[in-house]
Amino acid sequence: GVSRGASSRDGRRQSRFVRGNEHGFEICTVNHKRGGEVRLDATVTYADVCEVDKPTCSVLVFAHDHEDYDHDKWFRAYTPQPEDGCYIEDAAGTLTPVGADQFSNAVCWWHLKDGAVIGAHNGMLLEYDRSTLAPLGMVVSRDELAGRQVAVIDDGWGGDALVLYSDGDDRATVVQPNEDGTYWRRVVRNKLHRTREKRRAEAAANFVKEMNGEASAPKIASSYGPYVNTAGNALGISTRAHPVTEKELKELNLIN
């Protein structure tokens, strides 16, 4: 949620929370622009009796109308659905649709051997949750995917390798999974952590002024762990691959 005065996305300042009760739970929104006004978005009610021959009990979900919904500026994200006609069975070999401008205008999704769900949408490759199929995050950015083919090949050890390549080009990019087995790129830093980092940097600047006098001009740098930047918006980030050998780095004049 966004509770402070600035919003980096759509100008709204809202938070979400789930409120449980004896019948199920409610999904609510807190509007910080209206003094913390609470809006009831949806009510989920559990079934009183479960049918014996069904693996799960049914629930009733009711979406509530509100004046806040009277606009067309919605963020839309494709979510795969079973039998939606976009699923690629037994994904192997080149997956780029015939007749399509690569994946720039294609919508499709597939499973890898390890269970990961990858899909193409809006010129990007995305990863989806394995059980709910909800979008997790970006795997390959538009600039990295533009003009390239996508292939799933056997890695020789019982698994898959997700590969990007171009016809007639000797270069190829392996889209490596994260250490936890997921593929989506953690390119956006947590906003709460970024706020705390800014506070620490300000504290360091004040410390330097106390040491060197108010006339000093502190120049504060921060060191980070696995992150290489402080970007706050995934759409401005590229997943373009990095060379992997010293020879390649020298050819690109990245090292001497």
Protein backbone atom coordinates (compact mmCIF):
# COMPACT_ATOMS: atom_id res chain seq x y z
CA GLY A 1 0.00 0.00 0.00
CA VAL A 2 0.91 3.69 -0.33
CA SER A 3 0.18 5.70 2.81
CA ARG A 4 2.57 8.62 2.36
CA GLY A 5 1.94 11.76 0.34
CA ALA A 6 3.67 10.62 -2.86
CA SER A 7 2.67 7.76 -5.14
CA SER A 8 4.99 6.56 -7.90
CA ARG A 9 2.32 4.72 -9.93
CA ASP A 10 -1.20 6.09 -10.36
CA GLY A 11 -1.54 8.84 -7.74
CA ARG A 12 -3.71 6.75 -5.44
CA ARG A 13 -2.82 6.26 -1.78
CA GLN A 14 -4.34 3.00 -0.68
CA SER A 15 -3.58 -0.07 1.41
CA ARG A 16 -5.23 -3.50 1.39
CA PHE A 17 -6.05 -5.78 4.29
CA VAL A 18 -7.98 -9.00 4.92
CA ARG A 19 -10.47 -9.07 7.79
CA GLY A 20 -11.67 -12.48 9.01
CA ASN A 21 -14.98 -13.33 10.62
CA GLU A 22 -17.01 -16.40 11.60
CA HIS A 23 -18.34 -16.80 8.03
CA GLY A 24 -15.11 -16.36 6.08
CA PHE A 25 -13.24 -13.12 5.40
CA GLU A 26 -13.50 -9.69 3.76
CA ILE A 27 -11.04 -7.95 1.45
CA CYS A 28 -10.89 -4.22 2.18
CA THR A 29 -9.10 -1.10 0.96
CA VAL A 30 -8.00 1.83 3.11
CA ASN A 31 -8.10 5.14 1.23
CA HIS A 32 -5.43 7.36 2.81
CA LYS A 33 -6.50 10.34 0.69
CA ARG A 34 -9.86 10.29 2.49
CA GLY A 35 -8.59 10.11 6.03
CA GLY A 36 -8.36 6.33 6.22
CA GLU A 37 -11.81 5.55 4.79
CA VAL A 38 -12.34 1.77 4.58
CA ARG A 39 -13.90 0.32 1.42
CA LEU A 40 -15.30 -3.21 1.34
CA ASP A 41 -14.14 -4.78 -1.96
CA ALA A 42 -15.12 -8.43 -1.64
CA THR A 43 -16.70 -10.89 0.77
CA VAL A 44 -15.70 -14.54 0.82
CA THR A 45 -18.05 -16.90 2.62
CA TYR A 46 -17.18 -20.52 3.36
CA ALA A 47 -19.72 -23.30 2.74
CA ASP A 48 -21.48 -24.67 5.82
CA VAL A 49 -21.42 -28.24 4.49
CA CYS A 50 -18.84 -29.93 2.25
CA GLU A 51 -19.79 -32.62 -0.22
CA VAL A 52 -18.03 -35.90 0.57
CA ASP A 53 -17.08 -36.71 -3.03
CA LYS A 54 -15.37 -33.33 -3.62
CA PRO A 55 -11.75 -32.65 -2.59
CA THR A 56 -12.47 -29.09 -1.42
CA CYS A 57 -15.37 -27.17 0.08
CA SER A 58 -17.04 -24.52 -2.04
CA VAL A 59 -16.90 -20.82 -1.25
CA LEU A 60 -19.04 -17.88 -2.27
CA VAL A 61 -17.22 -14.76 -3.46
CA PHE A 62 -19.16 -11.50 -3.77
CA ALA A 63 -17.64 -8.33 -5.24
CA HIS A 64 -19.09 -5.07 -3.92
CA ASP A 65 -19.79 -2.07 -6.16
CA HIS A 66 -18.29 1.32 -5.33
CA GLU A 67 -17.95 4.72 -6.98
CA ASP A 68 -14.16 4.29 -6.97
CA TYR A 69 -14.58 1.73 -9.76
CA ASP A 70 -16.24 4.20 -12.16
CA HIS A 71 -13.24 4.69 -14.44
CA ASP A 72 -11.34 2.81 -17.15
CA LYS A 73 -7.78 3.31 -15.89
CA TRP A 74 -7.29 -0.24 -14.73
CA PHE A 75 -3.97 -2.06 -14.65
CA ARG A 76 -4.52 -5.20 -16.74
CA ALA A 77 -2.39 -8.32 -16.48
CA TYR A 78 -3.04 -11.53 -18.37
CA THR A 79 -3.56 -14.51 -16.07
CA PRO A 80 -3.37 -17.99 -17.62
CA GLN A 81 -6.47 -20.13 -17.33
CA PRO A 82 -6.82 -23.86 -18.00
CA GLU A 83 -8.20 -24.49 -21.50
CA ASP A 84 -7.88 -20.83 -22.51
CA GLY A 85 -6.38 -21.84 -25.85
CA CYS A 86 -3.00 -20.25 -25.07
CA TYR A 87 -1.34 -23.23 -23.39
CA ILE A 88 1.58 -24.93 -25.16
CA GLU A 89 1.49 -28.67 -24.54
CA ASP A 90 4.82 -30.46 -24.00
CA ALA A 91 6.85 -27.28 -24.54
CA ALA A 92 10.05 -28.24 -26.36
CA GLY A 93 12.08 -26.71 -29.19
CA THR A 94 11.27 -23.28 -30.59
CA LEU A 95 8.12 -21.80 -29.07
CA THR A 96 7.84 -18.57 -31.05
CA PRO A 97 4.44 -18.59 -32.78
CA VAL A 98 4.47 -19.01 -36.55
CA GLY A 99 3.56 -15.76 -38.28
CA ALA A 100 3.95 -13.68 -35.13
CA ASP A 101 6.46 -10.89 -34.74
CA GLN A 102 8.33 -13.04 -32.27
CA PHE A 103 6.50 -12.67 -28.94
CA SER A 104 5.67 -8.97 -29.28
CA ASN A 105 1.95 -9.61 -29.88
CA ALA A 106 1.61 -13.20 -28.67
CA VAL A 107 -0.09 -14.59 -25.57
CA CYS A 108 0.87 -18.12 -24.54
CA TRP A 109 2.15 -20.07 -21.55
CA TRP A 110 3.79 -23.37 -20.76
CA HIS A 111 5.26 -25.56 -18.02
CA LEU A 112 8.93 -26.40 -17.67
CA LYS A 113 10.01 -29.81 -16.39
CA ASP A 114 10.69 -28.40 -12.92
CA GLY A 115 7.08 -27.18 -12.68
CA ALA A 116 7.78 -23.50 -13.36
CA VAL A 117 5.08 -21.71 -15.38
CA ILE A 118 6.42 -19.27 -18.00
CA GLY A 119 4.35 -17.20 -20.40
CA ALA A 120 4.61 -14.52 -23.07
CA HIS A 121 2.52 -11.37 -22.77
CA ASN A 122 2.89 -7.80 -23.98
CA GLY A 123 6.32 -8.46 -25.49
CA MET A 124 7.81 -9.88 -22.28
CA LEU A 125 8.30 -13.28 -20.67
CA LEU A 126 6.63 -13.57 -17.28
CA GLU A 127 6.50 -16.20 -14.57
CA TYR A 128 3.25 -17.32 -12.97
CA ASP A 129 2.56 -19.03 -9.66
CA ARG A 130 2.57 -22.80 -10.05
CA SER A 131 -0.70 -23.36 -8.19
CA THR A 132 -2.81 -20.21 -8.69
CA LEU A 133 -1.29 -19.05 -12.04
CA ALA A 134 -1.18 -15.50 -10.66
CA PRO A 135 1.58 -13.32 -12.22
CA LEU A 136 4.80 -13.34 -10.15
CA GLY A 137 7.02 -11.02 -12.15
CA MET A 138 9.05 -10.31 -15.26
CA VAL A 139 11.55 -12.89 -16.53
CA VAL A 140 12.71 -11.29 -19.79
CA SER A 141 12.19 -7.60 -20.59
CA ARG A 142 10.89 -6.24 -23.89
CA ASP A 143 14.26 -5.00 -25.12
CA GLU A 144 15.88 -8.38 -24.44
CA LEU A 145 13.11 -10.35 -26.16
CA ALA A 146 12.58 -8.07 -29.16
CA GLY A 147 13.47 -9.83 -32.43
CA ARG A 148 14.51 -13.07 -30.75
CA GLN A 149 13.24 -16.62 -30.74
CA VAL A 150 12.42 -18.56 -27.57
CA ALA A 151 13.29 -22.22 -27.19
CA VAL A 152 13.01 -24.82 -24.44
CA ILE A 153 15.71 -27.49 -24.76
CA ASP A 154 16.79 -30.49 -22.72
CA ASP A 155 19.75 -29.64 -20.48
CA GLY A 156 21.12 -33.18 -20.64
CA TRP A 157 20.43 -33.79 -16.95
CA GLY A 158 16.67 -34.33 -16.96
CA GLY A 159 15.74 -30.68 -16.85
CA ASP A 160 14.94 -27.81 -19.23
CA ALA A 161 16.96 -24.82 -20.36
CA LEU A 162 15.10 -21.67 -21.44
CA VAL A 163 17.07 -20.14 -24.34
CA LEU A 164 16.80 -16.95 -26.40
CA TYR A 165 18.38 -16.85 -29.85
CA SER A 166 18.17 -15.24 -33.28
CA ASP A 167 18.21 -17.03 -36.63
CA GLY A 168 21.67 -16.95 -38.22
CA ASP A 169 23.32 -15.62 -35.04
CA ASP A 170 25.87 -17.71 -33.13
CA ARG A 171 24.96 -16.02 -29.87
CA ALA A 172 22.33 -17.37 -27.49
CA THR A 173 21.16 -16.40 -24.01
CA VAL A 174 20.31 -18.92 -21.31
CA VAL A 175 17.64 -17.58 -18.96
CA GLN A 176 18.98 -18.95 -15.71
CA PRO A 177 16.60 -19.62 -12.80
CA ASN A 178 17.11 -18.02 -9.41
CA GLU A 179 18.66 -20.00 -6.58
CA ASP A 180 15.20 -20.85 -5.23
CA GLY A 181 14.11 -22.32 -8.58
CA THR A 182 11.94 -19.38 -9.66
CA TYR A 183 12.66 -17.33 -12.78
CA TRP A 184 11.16 -13.88 -12.16
CA ARG A 185 13.72 -11.13 -11.65
CA ARG A 186 13.79 -9.24 -8.35
CA VAL A 187 14.58 -5.95 -10.04
CA VAL A 188 12.44 -3.73 -7.83
CA ARG A 189 13.61 -3.05 -4.33
CA ASN A 190 11.10 -3.25 -1.50
CA LYS A 191 9.77 0.28 -0.87
CA LEU A 192 9.98 -0.03 2.90
CA HIS A 193 13.64 -1.08 2.68
CA ARG A 194 14.35 1.79 0.26
CA THR A 195 12.79 4.25 2.71
CA ARG A 196 14.93 2.90 5.55
CA GLU A 197 18.03 3.08 3.35
CA LYS A 198 17.29 6.73 2.60
CA ARG A 199 16.97 7.44 6.32
CA ARG A 200 20.34 5.82 6.99
CA ALA A 201 21.95 7.84 4.19
CA GLU A 202 20.49 11.05 5.64
CA ALA A 203 21.78 10.06 9.07
CA ALA A 204 25.25 9.50 7.59
CA ALA A 205 25.13 12.92 5.92
CA ASN A 206 24.23 14.56 9.24
CA PHE A 207 27.05 12.62 10.91
CA VAL A 208 29.57 13.97 8.38
CA LYS A 209 28.31 17.51 8.99
CA GLU A 210 28.71 17.06 12.73
CA MET A 211 32.26 15.84 12.18
CA ASN A 212 33.32 18.43 9.57
CA GLY A 213 31.03 21.37 10.27
CA GLU A 214 27.80 22.67 8.73
CA ALA A 215 29.70 24.15 5.79
CA SER A 216 30.72 20.68 4.60
CA ALA A 217 29.00 19.00 1.63
CA PRO A 218 28.59 15.32 2.50
CA LYS A 219 28.88 12.86 -0.39
CA ILE A 220 27.23 9.65 0.78
CA ALA A 221 27.50 6.33 -1.05
CA SER A 222 25.75 3.06 -0.19
CA SER A 223 26.92 -0.50 -0.63
CA TYR A 224 24.37 -3.23 -1.28
CA GLY A 225 24.06 -6.97 -1.23
CA PRO A 226 22.77 -8.80 -4.32
CA TYR A 227 21.21 -5.66 -5.83
CA VAL A 228 23.19 -3.48 -8.21
CA ASN A 229 20.89 -0.44 -8.25
CA THR A 230 18.05 1.26 -6.40
CA ALA A 231 15.45 1.12 -9.18
CA GLY A 232 11.86 1.28 -8.00
CA ASN A 233 9.99 0.44 -11.21
CA ALA A 234 10.37 -2.86 -13.08
CA LEU A 235 9.27 -1.38 -16.43
CA GLY A 236 12.41 0.73 -16.53
CA ILE A 237 14.69 -2.24 -15.98
CA SER A 238 16.37 -4.39 -18.62
CA THR A 239 17.09 -8.09 -18.16
CA ARG A 240 19.67 -8.01 -20.96
CA ALA A 241 22.23 -10.74 -20.44
CA HIS A 242 25.83 -10.24 -19.35
CA PRO A 243 28.86 -11.92 -20.98
CA VAL A 244 30.08 -14.91 -19.03
CA THR A 245 33.77 -15.26 -20.00
CA GLU A 246 36.79 -12.97 -19.62
CA LYS A 247 37.35 -13.10 -23.40
CA GLU A 248 33.85 -11.81 -24.09
CA LEU A 249 34.29 -9.01 -21.57
CA LYS A 250 37.53 -7.94 -23.28
CA GLU A 251 35.91 -8.02 -26.73
CA LEU A 252 33.28 -5.59 -25.47
CA ASN A 253 35.97 -3.38 -23.87
CA LEU A 254 34.44 -3.90 -20.45
CA ILE A 255 37.79 -4.95 -18.97
CA ASN A 256 41.41 -4.44 -20.03
